[in-house]
């Protein structure tokens, strides 16, 4: 009986550890974002700088100088979030729209992602844009002069050759 109890306990611990491992594999680490073009392995980027600009559109821009793990989705990348607020965007949840439809839409944000040196498409740079009416949102925080934004699997479209659609996820903090 003791052997059966020990075996069941060992199996239960293994299941719990395996379940936890799968959960953490899908989560983005702090200050990273990922791009997964359709049919291409995901590329993950570690944030090197995050800046908030209040010129024309309010923007939060994150830059990476290297692709940190897996995938052939560009050597480096720039992720830009566009808002239409006066001054820094307030903390809240924003509906995702396209850059060209952002004007005059309060509580909306647009995502623009550019990868450089992209061997998956053979281009020196590739641009990805969020789409209007996707029904998706991003969470944004502005407090004590610091910004953070999180979103998961937002559908983006590419304007050049290669994969035309993909998803982008981010967990960035200034």
Protein backbone atom coordinates (compact mmCIF):
# COMPACT_ATOMS: atom_id res chain seq x y z
CA UNK A 1 0.00 0.00 0.00
CA UNK A 2 2.87 2.37 0.82
CA UNK A 3 4.39 1.77 -2.62
CA UNK A 4 1.11 2.60 -4.36
CA UNK A 5 0.67 5.77 -2.28
CA UNK A 6 4.25 6.86 -3.02
CA UNK A 7 3.78 6.16 -6.74
CA UNK A 8 0.51 8.13 -6.86
CA UNK A 9 2.12 11.02 -4.97
CA UNK A 10 5.06 11.03 -7.39
CA UNK A 11 2.70 11.04 -10.39
CA UNK A 12 0.65 13.89 -8.89
CA UNK A 13 3.78 15.99 -8.28
CA UNK A 14 4.93 15.32 -11.86
CA UNK A 15 1.58 16.41 -13.29
CA UNK A 16 1.62 19.62 -11.23
CA UNK A 17 5.18 20.47 -12.28
CA UNK A 18 4.44 19.72 -15.93
CA UNK A 19 1.32 21.92 -15.81
CA UNK A 20 3.25 24.82 -14.28
CA UNK A 21 6.01 24.48 -16.87
CA UNK A 22 3.55 24.77 -19.76
CA UNK A 23 1.93 27.87 -18.23
CA UNK A 24 5.23 29.72 -17.89
CA UNK A 25 6.44 28.82 -21.39
CA UNK A 26 3.56 30.77 -22.93
CA UNK A 27 4.02 33.88 -20.80
CA UNK A 28 6.29 36.68 -21.92
CA UNK A 29 9.02 37.75 -19.56
CA UNK A 30 9.05 41.34 -18.35
CA UNK A 31 10.24 43.80 -20.98
CA UNK A 32 9.87 41.52 -23.97
CA UNK A 33 7.60 41.23 -26.98
CA UNK A 34 7.14 38.53 -29.58
CA UNK A 35 6.13 38.40 -33.21
CA UNK A 36 4.73 35.22 -34.74
CA UNK A 37 4.21 35.54 -38.51
CA UNK A 38 1.89 32.94 -40.01
CA UNK A 39 3.95 29.86 -40.88
CA UNK A 40 7.18 31.20 -39.31
CA UNK A 41 8.67 30.48 -35.88
CA UNK A 42 8.08 33.09 -33.19
CA UNK A 43 10.79 35.70 -32.59
CA UNK A 44 11.14 37.18 -29.11
CA UNK A 45 12.78 40.55 -28.42
CA UNK A 46 14.12 41.95 -25.15
CA UNK A 47 13.44 45.64 -24.57
CA UNK A 48 16.53 47.82 -24.36
CA UNK A 49 14.80 51.21 -24.22
CA UNK A 50 11.23 52.46 -23.75
CA UNK A 51 10.34 56.09 -24.47
CA UNK A 52 7.14 58.10 -24.17
CA UNK A 53 6.65 60.95 -26.64
CA UNK A 54 3.83 63.49 -26.66
CA UNK A 55 4.42 64.92 -30.15
CA UNK A 56 1.35 64.90 -32.47
CA UNK A 57 0.26 61.36 -31.51
CA UNK A 58 1.34 60.20 -28.08
CA UNK A 59 3.64 57.24 -28.62
CA UNK A 60 5.29 54.62 -26.50
CA UNK A 61 8.24 53.15 -28.35
CA UNK A 62 10.24 50.10 -27.30
CA UNK A 63 13.45 49.17 -29.08
CA UNK A 64 15.43 45.95 -29.18
CA UNK A 65 18.86 45.47 -30.68
CA UNK A 66 18.61 41.70 -30.97
CA UNK A 67 16.21 38.78 -31.24
CA UNK A 68 16.65 36.97 -27.92
CA UNK A 69 15.26 33.54 -28.65
CA UNK A 70 14.13 31.29 -31.43
CA UNK A 71 12.53 32.07 -34.73
CA UNK A 72 13.95 33.87 -37.69
CA UNK A 73 11.88 37.02 -37.32
CA UNK A 74 14.36 39.83 -37.69
CA UNK A 75 17.62 40.66 -36.01
CA UNK A 76 16.13 43.59 -34.07
CA UNK A 77 12.82 45.33 -33.78
CA UNK A 78 10.96 48.51 -32.84
CA UNK A 79 7.48 48.33 -31.31
CA UNK A 80 5.45 51.57 -31.30
CA UNK A 81 2.08 52.14 -29.62
CA UNK A 82 0.07 55.14 -30.82
CA UNK A 83 -2.55 56.95 -28.69
CA UNK A 84 -4.72 60.03 -29.41
CA UNK A 85 -4.82 61.46 -25.88
CA UNK A 86 -3.76 64.98 -24.95
CA UNK A 87 -0.62 64.42 -22.96
CA UNK A 88 0.47 61.04 -21.63
CA UNK A 89 -2.19 58.36 -22.08
CA UNK A 90 -4.06 57.67 -18.84
CA UNK A 91 -4.02 54.24 -17.25
CA UNK A 92 -6.68 51.98 -18.72
CA UNK A 93 -7.70 49.48 -21.34
CA UNK A 94 -7.56 50.63 -24.96
CA UNK A 95 -9.33 49.18 -28.01
CA UNK A 96 -6.89 48.30 -30.74
CA UNK A 97 -7.40 49.91 -34.13
CA UNK A 98 -5.27 50.71 -37.17
CA UNK A 99 -2.86 53.65 -37.31
CA UNK A 100 -4.82 55.32 -40.13
CA UNK A 101 -8.12 55.06 -38.19
CA UNK A 102 -6.78 56.24 -34.82
CA UNK A 103 -7.51 59.95 -35.18
CA UNK A 104 -10.63 61.04 -33.29
CA UNK A 105 -11.05 57.73 -31.46
CA UNK A 106 -10.72 58.14 -27.70
CA UNK A 107 -9.67 55.10 -25.69
CA UNK A 108 -8.06 53.56 -28.76
CA UNK A 109 -4.49 52.61 -29.55
CA UNK A 110 -2.68 51.37 -32.65
CA UNK A 111 0.33 49.06 -32.85
CA UNK A 112 3.14 49.38 -35.37
CA UNK A 113 6.00 46.88 -35.34
CA UNK A 114 9.07 46.96 -37.54
CA UNK A 115 11.68 44.23 -37.73
CA UNK A 116 15.08 44.83 -39.29
CA UNK A 117 17.31 42.29 -41.07
CA UNK A 118 14.46 39.79 -41.46
CA UNK A 119 15.81 36.53 -42.95
CA UNK A 120 12.32 34.92 -42.96
CA UNK A 121 11.16 37.30 -45.69
CA UNK A 122 14.50 38.20 -47.29
CA UNK A 123 13.84 41.90 -46.64
CA UNK A 124 16.01 44.35 -44.75
CA UNK A 125 12.94 45.56 -42.85
CA UNK A 126 9.37 44.42 -42.46
CA UNK A 127 6.45 46.48 -41.07
CA UNK A 128 3.45 45.02 -39.21
CA UNK A 129 0.27 46.98 -38.39
CA UNK A 130 -2.68 46.39 -36.06
CA UNK A 131 -6.07 46.30 -37.73
CA UNK A 132 -9.32 48.20 -37.24
CA UNK A 133 -12.24 46.42 -35.54
CA UNK A 134 -10.15 43.51 -34.28
CA UNK A 135 -12.06 43.47 -30.99
CA UNK A 136 -8.73 43.19 -29.17
CA UNK A 137 -7.41 45.42 -26.37
CA UNK A 138 -4.21 46.42 -24.64
CA UNK A 139 -3.68 47.30 -21.01
CA UNK A 140 -1.71 50.49 -20.39
CA UNK A 141 -0.42 52.02 -17.14
CA UNK A 142 1.05 55.47 -16.64
CA UNK A 143 2.12 56.20 -13.05
CA UNK A 144 4.99 58.13 -11.44
CA UNK A 145 6.40 59.04 -14.86
CA UNK A 146 6.68 55.37 -15.89
CA UNK A 147 4.74 53.51 -18.57
CA UNK A 148 3.88 49.86 -19.08
CA UNK A 149 1.79 48.04 -21.66
CA UNK A 150 0.65 44.47 -22.05
CA UNK A 151 -1.29 42.68 -24.76
CA UNK A 152 -1.48 39.15 -26.07
CA UNK A 153 -1.77 37.70 -29.58
CA UNK A 154 -2.93 40.86 -31.33
CA UNK A 155 -3.49 40.16 -35.02
CA UNK A 156 -1.21 42.21 -37.25
CA UNK A 157 -0.82 42.45 -41.02
CA UNK A 158 2.35 42.99 -42.98
CA UNK A 159 2.61 45.33 -45.95
CA UNK A 160 5.45 43.66 -47.88
CA UNK A 161 6.22 40.19 -49.18
CA UNK A 162 6.38 37.07 -47.07
CA UNK A 163 3.82 36.12 -44.42
CA UNK A 164 0.90 38.57 -44.59
CA UNK A 165 -0.55 38.01 -41.10
CA UNK A 166 0.77 37.21 -37.66
CA UNK A 167 0.33 37.98 -34.00
CA UNK A 168 2.24 40.20 -31.62
CA UNK A 169 2.33 40.02 -27.81
CA UNK A 170 4.09 42.36 -25.39
CA UNK A 171 4.90 42.93 -21.75
CA UNK A 172 6.95 46.15 -21.63
CA UNK A 173 7.76 48.62 -18.86
CA UNK A 174 9.81 51.80 -18.82
